[in-house]
C-alpha atoms as a PDB file:
ATOM      1  CA  MET A   1     -54.130  50.224  -4.052  1.00  0.00           C
ATOM      2  CA  SER A   2     -52.468  50.813  -0.702  1.00  0.00           C
ATOM      3  CA  VAL A   3     -48.715  51.223  -0.282  1.00  0.00           C
ATOM      4  CA  GLN A   4     -48.555  47.794   1.338  1.00  0.00           C
ATOM      5  CA  ASP A   5     -50.460  46.204  -1.581  1.00  0.00           C
ATOM      6  CA  GLU A   6     -48.180  47.968  -4.040  1.00  0.00           C
ATOM      7  CA  LYS A   7     -45.043  46.653  -2.278  1.00  0.00           C
ATOM      8  CA  ALA A   8     -46.474  43.127  -2.310  1.00  0.00           C
ATOM      9  CA  ALA A   9     -47.273  43.423  -6.026  1.00  0.00           C
ATOM     10  CA  VAL A  10     -43.748  44.684  -6.821  1.00  0.00           C
ATOM     11  CA  SER A  11     -42.057  41.872  -4.914  1.00  0.00           C
ATOM     12  CA  ASP A  12     -44.427  39.293  -6.387  1.00  0.00           C
ATOM     13  CA  GLY A  13     -42.682  38.503  -9.639  1.00  0.00           C
ATOM     14  CA  ILE A  14     -41.646  40.252 -12.804  1.00  0.00           C
ATOM     15  CA  ILE A  15     -43.150  43.464 -14.142  1.00  0.00           C
ATOM     16  CA  LEU A  16     -43.396  43.808 -17.927  1.00  0.00           C
ATOM     17  CA  SER A  17     -43.718  47.362 -19.277  1.00  0.00           C
ATOM     18  CA  ASP A  18     -46.285  48.188 -21.948  1.00  0.00           C
ATOM     19  CA  ALA A  19     -43.467  48.737 -24.468  1.00  0.00           C
ATOM     20  CA  ALA A  20     -41.954  45.331 -23.683  1.00  0.00           C
ATOM     21  CA  ALA A  21     -45.360  43.609 -23.866  1.00  0.00           C
ATOM     22  CA  SER A  22     -46.012  45.225 -27.274  1.00  0.00           C
ATOM     23  CA  LYS A  23     -42.617  44.090 -28.585  1.00  0.00           C
ATOM     24  CA  VAL A  24     -43.141  40.539 -27.309  1.00  0.00           C
ATOM     25  CA  LYS A  25     -46.603  40.463 -28.971  1.00  0.00           C
ATOM     26  CA  ALA A  26     -45.082  41.649 -32.263  1.00  0.00           C
ATOM     27  CA  LEU A  27     -42.356  38.979 -32.108  1.00  0.00           C
ATOM     28  CA  LEU A  28     -44.906  36.272 -31.321  1.00  0.00           C
ATOM     29  CA  GLU A  29     -47.052  37.384 -34.267  1.00  0.00           C
ATOM     30  CA  GLN A  30     -43.980  37.067 -36.518  1.00  0.00           C
ATOM     31  CA  GLU A  31     -43.462  33.524 -35.205  1.00  0.00           C
ATOM     32  CA  GLY A  32     -47.105  32.729 -35.926  1.00  0.00           C
ATOM     33  CA  ARG A  33     -47.465  30.726 -32.714  1.00  0.00           C
ATOM     34  CA  GLU A  34     -49.835  31.335 -29.844  1.00  0.00           C
ATOM     35  CA  ASP A  35     -48.495  28.548 -27.615  1.00  0.00           C
ATOM     36  CA  LEU A  36     -45.270  30.354 -26.683  1.00  0.00           C
ATOM     37  CA  ALA A  37     -44.531  32.296 -23.508  1.00  0.00           C
ATOM     38  CA  LEU A  38     -41.644  34.624 -22.702  1.00  0.00           C
ATOM     39  CA  ARG A  39     -39.451  32.693 -20.299  1.00  0.00           C
ATOM     40  CA  VAL A  40     -37.164  34.745 -18.062  1.00  0.00           C
ATOM     41  CA  ALA A  41     -34.465  32.798 -16.270  1.00  0.00           C
ATOM     42  CA  VAL A  42     -31.318  33.375 -14.249  1.00  0.00           C
ATOM     43  CA  GLN A  43     -28.341  31.155 -15.034  1.00  0.00           C
ATOM     44  CA  PRO A  44     -24.808  30.989 -13.657  1.00  0.00           C
ATOM     45  CA  GLY A  45     -22.315  32.858 -15.828  1.00  0.00           C
ATOM     46  CA  GLY A  46     -21.072  36.245 -16.881  1.00  0.00           C
ATOM     47  CA  CYS A  47     -18.549  38.512 -15.204  1.00  0.00           C
ATOM     48  CA  SER A  48     -20.622  39.019 -12.048  1.00  0.00           C
ATOM     49  CA  GLY A  49     -21.786  35.434 -11.531  1.00  0.00           C
ATOM     50  CA  LEU A  50     -25.375  35.397 -12.817  1.00  0.00           C
ATOM     51  CA  ARG A  51     -26.824  36.080 -16.269  1.00  0.00           C
ATOM     52  CA  TYR A  52     -30.364  36.744 -17.499  1.00  0.00           C
ATOM     53  CA  GLN A  53     -31.903  34.633 -20.225  1.00  0.00           C
ATOM     54  CA  LEU A  54     -35.014  35.693 -22.149  1.00  0.00           C
ATOM     55  CA  PHE A  55     -36.451  33.333 -24.739  1.00  0.00           C
ATOM     56  CA  PHE A  56     -39.721  31.978 -26.079  1.00  0.00           C
ATOM     57  CA  ASP A  57     -40.707  28.641 -24.611  1.00  0.00           C
ATOM     58  CA  GLU A  58     -43.574  26.237 -25.156  1.00  0.00           C
ATOM     59  CA  ARG A  59     -42.774  24.140 -22.085  1.00  0.00           C
ATOM     60  CA  SER A  60     -44.525  24.266 -18.751  1.00  0.00           C
ATOM     61  CA  LEU A  61     -42.207  23.217 -15.941  1.00  0.00           C
ATOM     62  CA  ASP A  62     -43.201  22.111 -12.452  1.00  0.00           C
ATOM     63  CA  GLY A  63     -43.114  25.127 -10.140  1.00  0.00           C
ATOM     64  CA  ASP A  64     -43.234  27.768 -12.907  1.00  0.00           C
ATOM     65  CA  VAL A  65     -44.436  31.218 -11.895  1.00  0.00           C
ATOM     66  CA  VAL A  66     -46.730  32.532 -14.642  1.00  0.00           C
ATOM     67  CA  LYS A  67     -47.964  36.109 -15.059  1.00  0.00           C
ATOM     68  CA  ASP A  68     -50.112  37.552 -17.826  1.00  0.00           C
ATOM     69  CA  PHE A  69     -49.514  41.051 -19.196  1.00  0.00           C
ATOM     70  CA  ASP A  70     -52.308  41.984 -21.600  1.00  0.00           C
ATOM     71  CA  GLY A  71     -52.193  38.585 -23.285  1.00  0.00           C
ATOM     72  CA  VAL A  72     -48.422  38.098 -23.024  1.00  0.00           C
ATOM     73  CA  LYS A  73     -47.518  35.178 -20.798  1.00  0.00           C
ATOM     74  CA  VAL A  74     -44.283  35.609 -18.811  1.00  0.00           C
ATOM     75  CA  VAL A  75     -42.904  32.468 -17.182  1.00  0.00           C
ATOM     76  CA  THR A  76     -40.165  32.119 -14.574  1.00  0.00           C
ATOM     77  CA  ASP A  77     -38.860  28.824 -13.226  1.00  0.00           C
ATOM     78  CA  ARG A  78     -38.986  28.285  -9.470  1.00  0.00           C
ATOM     79  CA  MET A  79     -35.199  28.545  -9.056  1.00  0.00           C
ATOM     80  CA  SER A  80     -35.002  31.910 -10.875  1.00  0.00           C
ATOM     81  CA  ALA A  81     -38.095  33.486  -9.285  1.00  0.00           C
ATOM     82  CA  PRO A  82     -36.386  34.594  -6.028  1.00  0.00           C
ATOM     83  CA  TYR A  83     -33.739  36.480  -8.049  1.00  0.00           C
ATOM     84  CA  LEU A  84     -36.382  38.237 -10.166  1.00  0.00           C
ATOM     85  CA  GLY A  85     -38.982  39.396  -7.620  1.00  0.00           C
ATOM     86  CA  GLY A  86     -39.790  43.015  -8.424  1.00  0.00           C
ATOM     87  CA  ALA A  87     -37.616  43.101 -11.550  1.00  0.00           C
ATOM     88  CA  SER A  88     -39.032  45.188 -14.375  1.00  0.00           C
ATOM     89  CA  ILE A  89     -38.477  44.396 -18.040  1.00  0.00           C
ATOM     90  CA  ASP A  90     -38.699  47.188 -20.589  1.00  0.00           C
ATOM     91  CA  PHE A  91     -38.010  47.493 -24.306  1.00  0.00           C
ATOM     92  CA  VAL A  92     -35.838  50.404 -25.449  1.00  0.00           C
ATOM     93  CA  ASP A  93     -35.628  51.559 -29.066  1.00  0.00           C
ATOM     94  CA  THR A  94     -33.344  54.571 -29.375  1.00  0.00           C
ATOM     95  CA  ILE A  95     -30.404  55.596 -31.540  1.00  0.00           C
ATOM     96  CA  GLU A  96     -27.977  54.443 -28.834  1.00  0.00           C
ATOM     97  CA  LYS A  97     -29.641  51.187 -27.867  1.00  0.00           C
ATOM     98  CA  GLN A  98     -32.298  48.717 -28.922  1.00  0.00           C
ATOM     99  CA  GLY A  99     -33.437  45.738 -26.922  1.00  0.00           C
ATOM    100  CA  PHE A 100     -34.901  44.488 -23.694  1.00  0.00           C
ATOM    101  CA  THR A 101     -33.593  45.918 -20.440  1.00  0.00           C
ATOM    102  CA  ILE A 102     -34.005  44.514 -16.937  1.00  0.00           C
ATOM    103  CA  ASP A 103     -34.065  46.676 -13.835  1.00  0.00           C
ATOM    104  CA  ASN A 104     -33.634  44.274 -10.930  1.00  0.00           C
ATOM    105  CA  PRO A 105     -33.796  45.551  -7.333  1.00  0.00           C
ATOM    106  CA  ASN A 106     -32.280  42.233  -6.154  1.00  0.00           C
ATOM    107  CA  ALA A 107     -29.014  42.777  -8.033  1.00  0.00           C
ATOM    108  CA  THR A 108     -26.291  43.970  -5.674  1.00  0.00           C
ATOM    109  CA  GLY A 109     -23.764  44.514  -8.458  1.00  0.00           C
ATOM    110  CA  SER A 110     -23.310  44.209 -12.198  1.00  0.00           C
ATOM    111  CA  CYS A 111     -20.493  44.146 -14.699  1.00  0.00           C
ATOM    112  CA  ALA A 112     -19.631  46.999 -17.050  1.00  0.00           C
ATOM    113  CA  CYS A 113     -21.275  45.284 -20.023  1.00  0.00           C
ATOM    114  CA  GLY A 114     -24.573  45.046 -18.132  1.00  0.00           C
ATOM    115  CA  ASP A 115     -25.143  41.421 -19.122  1.00  0.00           C
ATOM    116  CA  SER A 116     -24.585  39.862 -15.719  1.00  0.00           C
ATOM    117  CA  PHE A 117     -25.265  40.636 -12.088  1.00  0.00           C
ATOM    118  CA  SER A 118     -24.666  39.412  -8.569  1.00  0.00           C
END
């Protein structure tokens, strides 16, 4: 893959780490449903103006951007997609922290709690 191809791939939607994909698969297996996708959205709110939302969704909305990561479907609505281009989602499981983290190159600022961005 050339540097130019790599830059295009990074800016072309969300990147889901292997750890995050494994965690999502495990959660979906617990739910016992194969029709759900991980929906990642950006909504107004939080200290910095915008807040991430991650949830399982069975809906397919007009204009959705869909990516597959080893069998895990990640869906972003068309309004959120520009805010999430190149963002990487990981799952951290340490003594200090457990949960999904989002590293977003489009965020120009964030609040101290890390839940919102601008």
